[in-house]
Amino acid sequence: MERAVLRAYQQRRGVHDDVEAAVAARMNRQRVLRRNQRTAAFLIEESVLRNGFGGPAVMRGQCAHLAEVTTWPAVSLGVIPASYAQMFARFSEIAVYGARARDLIATTSPPP
């Protein structure tokens, strides 16, 4: 299923064909999450579930995979309902990324 999603993206956007490398990276991340040594929280917008990317069969597979992932002890998956999308967009405007995010994390982390 990973290949189908990435292949659809690659074809839709006309980007470099690195699907096999991307699939391998995603599978490796999933192995890390399944070990239960780390926890991860993911937040997606409802529109992602409804966009039909890759066609109905791919989306069915993706939704089934997401439903399975929610049962993994190390994963928390949240969905932002479409009715809150505008509010979420405002939050993303004020969010910081990269070096600024790392600086915030470093200054708020408790000392060892």
PDB file of N, CA and C in Angstrom:
ATOM      1  N   MET A   1       0.825  -1.195   0.000  1.00  0.00           N
ATOM      2  CA  MET A   1       0.000   0.000   0.000  1.00  0.00           C
ATOM      3  C   MET A   1       0.871   1.262   0.000  1.00  0.00           C
ATOM      4  N   GLU A   2       1.974   1.236   0.734  1.00  0.00           N
ATOM      5  CA  GLU A   2       2.877   2.390   0.763  1.00  0.00           C
ATOM      6  C   GLU A   2       3.325   2.751  -0.650  1.00  0.00           C
ATOM      7  N   ARG A   3       3.679   1.714  -1.414  1.00  0.00           N
ATOM      8  CA  ARG A   3       4.139   1.951  -2.774  1.00  0.00           C
ATOM      9  C   ARG A   3       3.060   2.638  -3.608  1.00  0.00           C
ATOM     10  N   ALA A   4       1.822   2.198  -3.457  1.00  0.00           N
ATOM     11  CA  ALA A   4       0.729   2.765  -4.254  1.00  0.00           C
ATOM     12  C   ALA A   4       0.538   4.247  -3.947  1.00  0.00           C
ATOM     13  N   VAL A   5       0.598   4.601  -2.677  1.00  0.00           N
ATOM     14  CA  VAL A   5       0.428   6.004  -2.290  1.00  0.00           C
ATOM     15  C   VAL A   5       1.580   6.843  -2.820  1.00  0.00           C
ATOM     16  N   LEU A   6       2.801   6.372  -2.599  1.00  0.00           N
ATOM     17  CA  LEU A   6       3.957   7.141  -3.059  1.00  0.00           C
ATOM     18  C   LEU A   6       4.034   7.209  -4.573  1.00  0.00           C
ATOM     19  N   ARG A   7       3.663   6.125  -5.246  1.00  0.00           N
ATOM     20  CA  ARG A   7       3.672   6.122  -6.715  1.00  0.00           C
ATOM     21  C   ARG A   7       2.629   7.120  -7.229  1.00  0.00           C
ATOM     22  N   ALA A   8       1.450   7.160  -6.603  1.00  0.00           N
ATOM     23  CA  ALA A   8       0.414   8.116  -7.021  1.00  0.00           C
ATOM     24  C   ALA A   8       0.907   9.543  -6.836  1.00  0.00           C
ATOM     25  N   TYR A   9       1.580   9.804  -5.721  1.00  0.00           N
ATOM     26  CA  TYR A   9       2.128  11.147  -5.480  1.00  0.00           C
ATOM     27  C   TYR A   9       3.187  11.484  -6.523  1.00  0.00           C
ATOM     28  N   GLN A  10       4.082  10.555  -6.758  1.00  0.00           N
ATOM     29  CA  GLN A  10       5.170  10.780  -7.715  1.00  0.00           C
ATOM     30  C   GLN A  10       4.608  11.086  -9.096  1.00  0.00           C
ATOM     31  N   GLN A  11       3.598  10.333  -9.523  1.00  0.00           N
ATOM     32  CA  GLN A  11       3.020  10.544 -10.846  1.00  0.00           C
ATOM     33  C   GLN A  11       2.210  11.836 -10.913  1.00  0.00           C
ATOM     34  N   ARG A  12       1.504  12.129  -9.838  1.00  0.00           N
ATOM     35  CA  ARG A  12       0.670  13.337  -9.817  1.00  0.00           C
ATOM     36  C   ARG A  12       1.517  14.598  -9.861  1.00  0.00           C
ATOM     37  N   ARG A  13       2.623  14.586  -9.127  1.00  0.00           N
ATOM     38  CA  ARG A  13       3.474  15.774  -9.025  1.00  0.00           C
ATOM     39  C   ARG A  13       4.619  15.793 -10.040  1.00  0.00           C
ATOM     40  N   GLY A  14       4.859  14.645 -10.688  1.00  0.00           N
ATOM     41  CA  GLY A  14       5.952  14.582 -11.651  1.00  0.00           C
ATOM     42  C   GLY A  14       7.308  14.747 -11.000  1.00  0.00           C
ATOM     43  N   VAL A  15       7.454  14.235  -9.779  1.00  0.00           N
ATOM     44  CA  VAL A  15       8.721  14.366  -9.066  1.00  0.00           C
ATOM     45  C   VAL A  15       9.629  13.177  -9.357  1.00  0.00           C
ATOM     46  N   HIS A  16      10.878  13.310  -8.956  1.00  0.00           N
ATOM     47  CA  HIS A  16      11.883  12.263  -9.135  1.00  0.00           C
ATOM     48  C   HIS A  16      11.374  10.945  -8.565  1.00  0.00           C
ATOM     49  N   ASP A  17      11.634   9.861  -9.264  1.00  0.00           N
ATOM     50  CA  ASP A  17      11.156   8.552  -8.843  1.00  0.00           C
ATOM     51  C   ASP A  17      12.089   7.947  -7.792  1.00  0.00           C
ATOM     52  N   ASP A  18      11.801   8.231  -6.524  1.00  0.00           N
ATOM     53  CA  ASP A  18      12.559   7.629  -5.424  1.00  0.00           C
ATOM     54  C   ASP A  18      11.610   6.830  -4.530  1.00  0.00           C
ATOM     55  N   VAL A  19      10.594   6.251  -5.158  1.00  0.00           N
ATOM     56  CA  VAL A  19       9.547   5.542  -4.426  1.00  0.00           C
ATOM     57  C   VAL A  19      10.120   4.415  -3.569  1.00  0.00           C
ATOM     58  N   GLU A  20      11.017   3.620  -4.127  1.00  0.00           N
ATOM     59  CA  GLU A  20      11.548   2.477  -3.368  1.00  0.00           C
ATOM     60  C   GLU A  20      12.290   2.939  -2.119  1.00  0.00           C
ATOM     61  N   ALA A  21      13.092   3.989  -2.230  1.00  0.00           N
ATOM     62  CA  ALA A  21      13.816   4.520  -1.070  1.00  0.00           C
ATOM     63  C   ALA A  21      12.837   5.082  -0.040  1.00  0.00           C
ATOM     64  N   ALA A  22      11.789   5.753  -0.512  1.00  0.00           N
ATOM     65  CA  ALA A  22      10.798   6.319   0.403  1.00  0.00           C
ATOM     66  C   ALA A  22      10.026   5.225   1.124  1.00  0.00           C
ATOM     67  N   VAL A  23       9.674   4.160   0.421  1.00  0.00           N
ATOM     68  CA  VAL A  23       8.972   3.034   1.048  1.00  0.00           C
ATOM     69  C   VAL A  23       9.860   2.416   2.120  1.00  0.00           C
ATOM     70  N   ALA A  24      11.120   2.215   1.822  1.00  0.00           N
ATOM     71  CA  ALA A  24      12.044   1.629   2.794  1.00  0.00           C
ATOM     72  C   ALA A  24      12.145   2.503   4.039  1.00  0.00           C
ATOM     73  N   ALA A  25      12.219   3.814   3.864  1.00  0.00           N
ATOM     74  CA  ALA A  25      12.300   4.727   5.009  1.00  0.00           C
ATOM     75  C   ALA A  25      11.030   4.663   5.851  1.00  0.00           C
ATOM     76  N   ARG A  26       9.876   4.630   5.210  1.00  0.00           N
ATOM     77  CA  ARG A  26       8.609   4.548   5.946  1.00  0.00           C
ATOM     78  C   ARG A  26       8.488   3.238   6.718  1.00  0.00           C
ATOM     79  N   MET A  27       8.894   2.146   6.083  1.00  0.00           N
ATOM     80  CA  MET A  27       8.825   0.841   6.758  1.00  0.00           C
ATOM     81  C   MET A  27       9.749   0.818   7.977  1.00  0.00           C
ATOM     82  N   ASN A  28      10.903   1.444   7.864  1.00  0.00           N
ATOM     83  CA  ASN A  28      11.830   1.519   8.986  1.00  0.00           C
ATOM     84  C   ASN A  28      11.225   2.315  10.140  1.00  0.00           C
ATOM     85  N   ARG A  29      10.574   3.433   9.830  1.00  0.00           N
ATOM     86  CA  ARG A  29       9.918   4.226  10.887  1.00  0.00           C
ATOM     87  C   ARG A  29       8.822   3.421  11.559  1.00  0.00           C
ATOM     88  N   GLN A  30       8.075   2.648  10.793  1.00  0.00           N
ATOM     89  CA  GLN A  30       7.016   1.835  11.385  1.00  0.00           C
ATOM     90  C   GLN A  30       7.592   0.773  12.309  1.00  0.00           C
ATOM     91  N   ARG A  31       8.735   0.197  11.940  1.00  0.00           N
ATOM     92  CA  ARG A  31       9.370  -0.789  12.828  1.00  0.00           C
ATOM     93  C   ARG A  31       9.734  -0.151  14.164  1.00  0.00           C
ATOM     94  N   VAL A  32      10.224   1.079  14.127  1.00  0.00           N
ATOM     95  CA  VAL A  32      10.569   1.790  15.361  1.00  0.00           C
ATOM     96  C   VAL A  32       9.324   1.970  16.223  1.00  0.00           C
ATOM     97  N   LEU A  33       8.219   2.347  15.630  1.00  0.00           N
ATOM     98  CA  LEU A  33       6.986   2.564  16.382  1.00  0.00           C
ATOM     99  C   LEU A  33       6.434   1.267  16.965  1.00  0.00           C
ATOM    100  N   ARG A  34       6.640   0.169  16.283  1.00  0.00           N
ATOM    101  CA  ARG A  34       6.112  -1.115  16.756  1.00  0.00           C
ATOM    102  C   ARG A  34       6.919  -1.692  17.916  1.00  0.00           C
ATOM    103  N   ARG A  35       8.116  -1.194  18.129  1.00  0.00           N
ATOM    104  CA  ARG A  35       8.943  -1.711  19.225  1.00  0.00           C
ATOM    105  C   ARG A  35       8.444  -1.285  20.597  1.00  0.00           C
ATOM    106  N   ASN A  36       7.589  -0.291  20.664  1.00  0.00           N
ATOM    107  CA  ASN A  36       7.024   0.228  21.915  1.00  0.00           C
ATOM    108  C   ASN A  36       8.065   0.850  22.835  1.00  0.00           C
ATOM    109  N   GLN A  37       9.263   1.124  22.338  1.00  0.00           N
ATOM    110  CA  GLN A  37      10.276   1.766  23.164  1.00  0.00           C
ATOM    111  C   GLN A  37      10.112   3.281  23.151  1.00  0.00           C
ATOM    112  N   ARG A  38       9.441   3.773  22.142  1.00  0.00           N
ATOM    113  CA  ARG A  38       9.195   5.206  22.015  1.00  0.00           C
ATOM    114  C   ARG A  38       7.711   5.400  21.754  1.00  0.00           C
ATOM    115  N   THR A  39       7.223   6.564  22.085  1.00  0.00           N
ATOM    116  CA  THR A  39       5.839   6.880  21.756  1.00  0.00           C
ATOM    117  C   THR A  39       5.831   8.036  20.761  1.00  0.00           C
ATOM    118  N   ALA A  40       4.792   8.084  19.968  1.00  0.00           N
ATOM    119  CA  ALA A  40       4.674   9.139  18.972  1.00  0.00           C
ATOM    120  C   ALA A  40       3.214   9.556  18.872  1.00  0.00           C
ATOM    121  N   ALA A  41       3.009  10.842  18.658  1.00  0.00           N
ATOM    122  CA  ALA A  41       1.662  11.378  18.468  1.00  0.00           C
ATOM    123  C   ALA A  41       1.592  11.999  17.079  1.00  0.00           C
ATOM    124  N   PHE A  42       0.533  11.681  16.371  1.00  0.00           N
ATOM    125  CA  PHE A  42       0.326  12.199  15.021  1.00  0.00           C
ATOM    126  C   PHE A  42      -1.023  12.896  14.979  1.00  0.00           C
ATOM    127  N   LEU A  43      -1.081  13.960  14.231  1.00  0.00           N
ATOM    128  CA  LEU A  43      -2.303  14.736  14.091  1.00  0.00           C
ATOM    129  C   LEU A  43      -2.518  14.990  12.606  1.00  0.00           C
ATOM    130  N   ILE A  44      -3.691  14.575  12.101  1.00  0.00           N
ATOM    131  CA  ILE A  44      -3.997  14.776  10.680  1.00  0.00           C
ATOM    132  C   ILE A  44      -5.351  15.471  10.567  1.00  0.00           C
ATOM    133  N   GLU A  45      -5.547  16.122   9.451  1.00  0.00           N
ATOM    134  CA  GLU A  45      -6.834  16.764   9.186  1.00  0.00           C
ATOM    135  C   GLU A  45      -7.776  15.766   8.525  1.00  0.00           C
ATOM    136  N   GLU A  46      -9.053  15.899   8.817  1.00  0.00           N
ATOM    137  CA  GLU A  46     -10.067  15.024   8.227  1.00  0.00           C
ATOM    138  C   GLU A  46      -9.997  15.028   6.705  1.00  0.00           C
ATOM    139  N   SER A  47      -9.658  16.171   6.119  1.00  0.00           N
ATOM    140  CA  SER A  47      -9.600  16.261   4.652  1.00  0.00           C
ATOM    141  C   SER A  47      -8.615  15.258   4.068  1.00  0.00           C
ATOM    142  N   VAL A  48      -7.572  14.909   4.811  1.00  0.00           N
ATOM    143  CA  VAL A  48      -6.600  13.923   4.345  1.00  0.00           C
ATOM    144  C   VAL A  48      -7.284  12.571   4.141  1.00  0.00           C
ATOM    145  N   LEU A  49      -8.266  12.280   4.979  1.00  0.00           N
ATOM    146  CA  LEU A  49      -8.983  11.010   4.877  1.00  0.00           C
ATOM    147  C   LEU A  49      -9.987  11.006   3.736  1.00  0.00           C
ATOM    148  N   ARG A  50     -10.339  12.176   3.254  1.00  0.00           N
ATOM    149  CA  ARG A  50     -11.381  12.290   2.239  1.00  0.00           C
ATOM    150  C   ARG A  50     -10.878  12.680   0.860  1.00  0.00           C
ATOM    151  N   ASN A  51      -9.585  12.936   0.713  1.00  0.00           N
ATOM    152  CA  ASN A  51      -9.108  13.502  -0.559  1.00  0.00           C
ATOM    153  C   ASN A  51      -9.066  12.523  -1.721  1.00  0.00           C
ATOM    154  N   GLY A  52      -9.150  11.230  -1.461  1.00  0.00           N
ATOM    155  CA  GLY A  52      -9.178  10.252  -2.543  1.00  0.00           C
ATOM    156  C   GLY A  52      -7.864  10.080  -3.261  1.00  0.00           C
ATOM    157  N   PHE A  53      -6.779  10.485  -2.654  1.00  0.00           N
ATOM    158  CA  PHE A  53      -5.458  10.418  -3.261  1.00  0.00           C
ATOM    159  C   PHE A  53      -5.104   8.975  -3.596  1.00  0.00           C
ATOM    160  N   GLY A  54      -4.810   8.721  -4.860  1.00  0.00           N
ATOM    161  CA  GLY A  54      -4.450   7.378  -5.288  1.00  0.00           C
ATOM    162  C   GLY A  54      -5.633   6.517  -5.676  1.00  0.00           C
ATOM    163  N   GLY A  55      -6.849   7.024  -5.510  1.00  0.00           N
ATOM    164  CA  GLY A  55      -8.046   6.266  -5.881  1.00  0.00           C
ATOM    165  C   GLY A  55      -8.664   5.539  -4.699  1.00  0.00           C
ATOM    166  N   PRO A  56      -9.879   5.036  -4.888  1.00  0.00           N
ATOM    167  CA  PRO A  56     -10.633   4.402  -3.788  1.00  0.00           C
ATOM    168  C   PRO A  56      -9.914   3.217  -3.145  1.00  0.00           C
ATOM    169  N   ALA A  57      -9.282   2.358  -3.928  1.00  0.00           N
ATOM    170  CA  ALA A  57      -8.629   1.179  -3.351  1.00  0.00           C
ATOM    171  C   ALA A  57      -7.454   1.594  -2.457  1.00  0.00           C
ATOM    172  N   VAL A  58      -6.679   2.565  -2.910  1.00  0.00           N
ATOM    173  CA  VAL A  58      -5.549   3.044  -2.112  1.00  0.00           C
ATOM    174  C   VAL A  58      -6.057   3.686  -0.827  1.00  0.00           C
ATOM    175  N   MET A  59      -7.104   4.505  -0.938  1.00  0.00           N
ATOM    176  CA  MET A  59      -7.638   5.171   0.258  1.00  0.00           C
ATOM    177  C   MET A  59      -8.217   4.160   1.246  1.00  0.00           C
ATOM    178  N   ARG A  60      -8.878   3.122   0.749  1.00  0.00           N
ATOM    179  CA  ARG A  60      -9.385   2.077   1.657  1.00  0.00           C
ATOM    180  C   ARG A  60      -8.233   1.446   2.427  1.00  0.00           C
ATOM    181  N   GLY A  61      -7.162   1.156   1.710  1.00  0.00           N
ATOM    182  CA  GLY A  61      -5.984   0.575   2.352  1.00  0.00           C
ATOM    183  C   GLY A  61      -5.362   1.521   3.359  1.00  0.00           C
ATOM    184  N   GLN A  62      -5.280   2.795   3.014  1.00  0.00           N
ATOM    185  CA  GLN A  62      -4.710   3.779   3.933  1.00  0.00           C
ATOM    186  C   GLN A  62      -5.567   3.919   5.195  1.00  0.00           C
ATOM    187  N   CYS A  63      -6.874   3.990   5.011  1.00  0.00           N
ATOM    188  CA  CYS A  63      -7.770   4.115   6.176  1.00  0.00           C
ATOM    189  C   CYS A  63      -7.686   2.867   7.048  1.00  0.00           C
ATOM    190  N   ALA A  64      -7.591   1.694   6.437  1.00  0.00           N
ATOM    191  CA  ALA A  64      -7.448   0.460   7.216  1.00  0.00           C
ATOM    192  C   ALA A  64      -6.136   0.477   7.985  1.00  0.00           C
ATOM    193  N   HIS A  65      -5.083   0.951   7.356  1.00  0.00           N
ATOM    194  CA  HIS A  65      -3.783   1.023   8.027  1.00  0.00           C
ATOM    195  C   HIS A  65      -3.838   2.006   9.203  1.00  0.00           C
ATOM    196  N   LEU A  66      -4.440   3.162   8.990  1.00  0.00           N
ATOM    197  CA  LEU A  66      -4.555   4.132  10.083  1.00  0.00           C
ATOM    198  C   LEU A  66      -5.365   3.562  11.241  1.00  0.00           C
ATOM    199  N   ALA A  67      -6.435   2.850  10.933  1.00  0.00           N
ATOM    200  CA  ALA A  67      -7.235   2.222  11.998  1.00  0.00           C
ATOM    201  C   ALA A  67      -6.386   1.221  12.771  1.00  0.00           C
ATOM    202  N   GLU A  68      -5.553   0.463  12.077  1.00  0.00           N
ATOM    203  CA  GLU A  68      -4.669  -0.491  12.759  1.00  0.00           C
ATOM    204  C   GLU A  68      -3.647   0.230  13.637  1.00  0.00           C
ATOM    205  N   VAL A  69      -3.065   1.298  13.101  1.00  0.00           N
ATOM    206  CA  VAL A  69      -2.041   2.041  13.833  1.00  0.00           C
ATOM    207  C   VAL A  69      -2.594   2.587  15.152  1.00  0.00           C
ATOM    208  N   THR A  70      -3.866   2.945  15.168  1.00  0.00           N
ATOM    209  CA  THR A  70      -4.451   3.473  16.415  1.00  0.00           C
ATOM    210  C   THR A  70      -4.493   2.425  17.518  1.00  0.00           C
ATOM    211  N   THR A  71      -4.302   1.158  17.184  1.00  0.00           N
ATOM    212  CA  THR A  71      -4.290   0.116  18.211  1.00  0.00           C
ATOM    213  C   THR A  71      -2.881  -0.139  18.750  1.00  0.00           C
ATOM    214  N   TRP A  72      -1.866   0.428  18.131  1.00  0.00           N
ATOM    215  CA  TRP A  72      -0.500   0.244  18.611  1.00  0.00           C
ATOM    216  C   TRP A  72      -0.308   1.027  19.901  1.00  0.00           C
ATOM    217  N   PRO A  73       0.238   0.413  20.934  1.00  0.00           N
ATOM    218  CA  PRO A  73       0.403   1.098  22.221  1.00  0.00           C
ATOM    219  C   PRO A  73       1.296   2.335  22.157  1.00  0.00           C
ATOM    220  N   ALA A  74       2.230   2.368  21.241  1.00  0.00           N
ATOM    221  CA  ALA A  74       3.182   3.476  21.182  1.00  0.00           C
ATOM    222  C   ALA A  74       2.712   4.639  20.320  1.00  0.00           C
ATOM    223  N   VAL A  75       1.502   4.548  19.761  1.00  0.00           N
ATOM    224  CA  VAL A  75       1.043   5.569  18.825  1.00  0.00           C
ATOM    225  C   VAL A  75      -0.268   6.192  19.292  1.00  0.00           C
ATOM    226  N   SER A  76      -0.303   7.498  19.201  1.00  0.00           N
ATOM    227  CA  SER A  76      -1.539   8.245  19.436  1.00  0.00           C
ATOM    228  C   SER A  76      -1.839   8.995  18.138  1.00  0.00           C
ATOM    229  N   LEU A  77      -3.024   8.771  17.598  1.00  0.00           N
ATOM    230  CA  LEU A  77      -3.397   9.406  16.335  1.00  0.00           C
ATOM    231  C   LEU A  77      -4.652  10.238  16.558  1.00  0.00           C
ATOM    232  N   GLY A  78      -4.558  11.515  16.239  1.00  0.00           N
ATOM    233  CA  GLY A  78      -5.706  12.406  16.352  1.00  0.00           C
ATOM    234  C   GLY A  78      -6.133  12.905  14.992  1.00  0.00           C
ATOM    235  N   VAL A  79      -7.422  13.152  14.837  1.00  0.00           N
ATOM    236  CA  VAL A  79      -7.963  13.676  13.586  1.00  0.00           C
ATOM    237  C   VAL A  79      -8.663  14.998  13.896  1.00  0.00           C
ATOM    238  N   ILE A  80      -8.274  16.035  13.180  1.00  0.00           N
ATOM    239  CA  ILE A  80      -8.910  17.344  13.340  1.00  0.00           C
ATOM    240  C   ILE A  80     -10.129  17.368  12.437  1.00  0.00           C
ATOM    241  N   PRO A  81     -11.331  17.453  13.022  1.00  0.00           N
ATOM    242  CA  PRO A  81     -12.547  17.479  12.202  1.00  0.00           C
ATOM    243  C   PRO A  81     -12.530  18.655  11.221  1.00  0.00           C
ATOM    244  N   ALA A  82     -13.148  18.460  10.086  1.00  0.00           N
ATOM    245  CA  ALA A  82     -13.185  19.494   9.048  1.00  0.00           C
ATOM    246  C   ALA A  82     -13.741  20.809   9.581  1.00  0.00           C
ATOM    247  N   SER A  83     -14.659  20.731  10.519  1.00  0.00           N
ATOM    248  CA  SER A  83     -15.257  21.962  11.055  1.00  0.00           C
ATOM    249  C   SER A  83     -14.249  22.821  11.815  1.00  0.00           C
ATOM    250  N   TYR A  84     -13.089  22.259  12.171  1.00  0.00           N
ATOM    251  CA  TYR A  84     -12.057  23.005  12.885  1.00  0.00           C
ATOM    252  C   TYR A  84     -10.860  23.336  12.001  1.00  0.00           C
ATOM    253  N   ALA A  85     -10.931  23.039  10.731  1.00  0.00           N
ATOM    254  CA  ALA A  85      -9.785  23.203   9.836  1.00  0.00           C
ATOM    255  C   ALA A  85      -9.288  24.652   9.794  1.00  0.00           C
ATOM    256  N   GLN A  86     -10.202  25.619   9.769  1.00  0.00           N
ATOM    257  CA  GLN A  86      -9.774  27.017   9.715  1.00  0.00           C
ATOM    258  C   GLN A  86      -9.027  27.409  10.991  1.00  0.00           C
ATOM    259  N   MET A  87      -9.517  26.936  12.128  1.00  0.00           N
ATOM    260  CA  MET A  87      -8.858  27.231  13.385  1.00  0.00           C
ATOM    261  C   MET A  87      -7.454  26.611  13.385  1.00  0.00           C
ATOM    262  N   PHE A  88      -7.347  25.389  12.898  1.00  0.00           N
ATOM    263  CA  PHE A  88      -6.063  24.714  12.842  1.00  0.00           C
ATOM    264  C   PHE A  88      -5.111  25.465  11.909  1.00  0.00           C
ATOM    265  N   ALA A  89      -5.623  25.983  10.809  1.00  0.00           N
ATOM    266  CA  ALA A  89      -4.789  26.740   9.868  1.00  0.00           C
ATOM    267  C   ALA A  89      -4.184  27.952  10.554  1.00  0.00           C
ATOM    268  N   ARG A  90      -4.940  28.600  11.433  1.00  0.00           N
ATOM    269  CA  ARG A  90      -4.404  29.743  12.170  1.00  0.00           C
ATOM    270  C   ARG A  90      -3.260  29.311  13.081  1.00  0.00           C
ATOM    271  N   PHE A  91      -3.402  28.162  13.722  1.00  0.00           N
ATOM    272  CA  PHE A  91      -2.321  27.661  14.568  1.00  0.00           C
ATOM    273  C   PHE A  91      -1.069  27.386  13.748  1.00  0.00           C
ATOM    274  N   SER A  92      -1.247  26.830  12.563  1.00  0.00           N
ATOM    275  CA  SER A  92      -0.076  26.513  11.745  1.00  0.00           C
ATOM    276  C   SER A  92       0.645  27.784  11.292  1.00  0.00           C
ATOM    277  N   GLU A  93      -0.065  28.901  11.226  1.00  0.00           N
ATOM    278  CA  GLU A  93       0.565  30.168  10.855  1.00  0.00           C
ATOM    279  C   GLU A  93       1.516  30.667  11.930  1.00  0.00           C
ATOM    280  N   ILE A  94       1.235  30.342  13.180  1.00  0.00           N
ATOM    281  CA  ILE A  94       2.080  30.838  14.264  1.00  0.00           C
ATOM    282  C   ILE A  94       3.073  29.786  14.767  1.00  0.00           C
ATOM    283  N   ALA A  95       2.975  28.578  14.239  1.00  0.00           N
ATOM    284  CA  ALA A  95       3.889  27.514  14.655  1.00  0.00           C
ATOM    285  C   ALA A  95       5.307  27.834  14.200  1.00  0.00           C
ATOM    286  N   VAL A  96       6.275  27.336  14.950  1.00  0.00           N
ATOM    287  CA  VAL A  96       7.676  27.505  14.570  1.00  0.00           C
ATOM    288  C   VAL A  96       8.242  26.139  14.198  1.00  0.00           C
ATOM    289  N   TYR A  97       9.193  26.159  13.298  1.00  0.00           N
ATOM    290  CA  TYR A  97       9.760  24.928  12.775  1.00  0.00           C
ATOM    291  C   TYR A  97      11.275  25.024  12.766  1.00  0.00           C
ATOM    292  N   GLY A  98      11.906  23.905  12.487  1.00  0.00           N
ATOM    293  CA  GLY A  98      13.354  23.878  12.305  1.00  0.00           C
ATOM    294  C   GLY A  98      14.119  24.359  13.522  1.00  0.00           C
ATOM    295  N   ALA A  99      15.076  25.270  13.285  1.00  0.00           N
ATOM    296  CA  ALA A  99      15.953  25.748  14.356  1.00  0.00           C
ATOM    297  C   ALA A  99      15.176  26.418  15.477  1.00  0.00           C
ATOM    298  N   ARG A 100      14.156  27.199  15.136  1.00  0.00           N
ATOM    299  CA  ARG A 100      13.360  27.862  16.192  1.00  0.00           C
ATOM    300  C   ARG A 100      12.643  26.840  17.061  1.00  0.00           C
ATOM    301  N   ALA A 101      12.114  25.789  16.437  1.00  0.00           N
ATOM    302  CA  ALA A 101      11.450  24.740  17.221  1.00  0.00           C
ATOM    303  C   ALA A 101      12.460  24.018  18.103  1.00  0.00           C
ATOM    304  N   ARG A 102      13.633  23.709  17.551  1.00  0.00           N
ATOM    305  CA  ARG A 102      14.663  23.040  18.356  1.00  0.00           C
ATOM    306  C   ARG A 102      15.086  23.905  19.527  1.00  0.00           C
ATOM    307  N   ASP A 103      15.202  25.213  19.313  1.00  0.00           N
ATOM    308  CA  ASP A 103      15.562  26.116  20.409  1.00  0.00           C
ATOM    309  C   ASP A 103      14.509  26.086  21.515  1.00  0.00           C
ATOM    310  N   LEU A 104      13.244  26.094  21.128  1.00  0.00           N
ATOM    311  CA  LEU A 104      12.177  26.024  22.136  1.00  0.00           C
ATOM    312  C   LEU A 104      12.224  24.704  22.909  1.00  0.00           C
ATOM    313  N   ILE A 105      12.455  23.642  22.193  1.00  0.00           N
ATOM    314  CA  ILE A 105      12.529  22.334  22.842  1.00  0.00           C
ATOM    315  C   ILE A 105      13.711  22.310  23.811  1.00  0.00           C
ATOM    316  N   ALA A 106      14.843  22.816  23.375  1.00  0.00           N
ATOM    317  CA  ALA A 106      16.044  22.793  24.216  1.00  0.00           C
ATOM    318  C   ALA A 106      15.860  23.635  25.474  1.00  0.00           C
ATOM    319  N   THR A 107      15.195  24.791  25.346  1.00  0.00           N
ATOM    320  CA  THR A 107      15.043  25.664  26.518  1.00  0.00           C
ATOM    321  C   THR A 107      13.959  25.188  27.476  1.00  0.00           C
ATOM    322  N   THR A 108      13.083  24.323  27.021  1.00  0.00           N
ATOM    323  CA  THR A 108      12.013  23.841  27.901  1.00  0.00           C
ATOM    324  C   THR A 108      12.268  22.449  28.452  1.00  0.00           C
ATOM    325  N   SER A 109      13.296  21.780  27.939  1.00  0.00           N
ATOM    326  CA  SER A 109      13.600  20.422  28.411  1.00  0.00           C
ATOM    327  C   SER A 109      14.166  20.488  29.831  1.00  0.00           C
ATOM    328  N   PRO A 110      13.697  19.583  30.717  1.00  0.00           N
ATOM    329  CA  PRO A 110      14.250  19.569  32.067  1.00  0.00           C
ATOM    330  C   PRO A 110      15.717  19.148  32.041  1.00  0.00           C
ATOM    331  N   PRO A 111      16.505  19.644  32.973  1.00  0.00           N
ATOM    332  CA  PRO A 111      17.919  19.259  33.016  1.00  0.00           C
ATOM    333  C   PRO A 111      18.070  17.762  33.333  1.00  0.00           C
ATOM    334  N   PRO A 112      19.182  17.176  32.894  1.00  0.00           N
ATOM    335  CA  PRO A 112      19.395  15.737  33.148  1.00  0.00           C
ATOM    336  C   PRO A 112      19.562  15.426  34.627  1.00  0.00           C
TER     337      PRO A 112
END
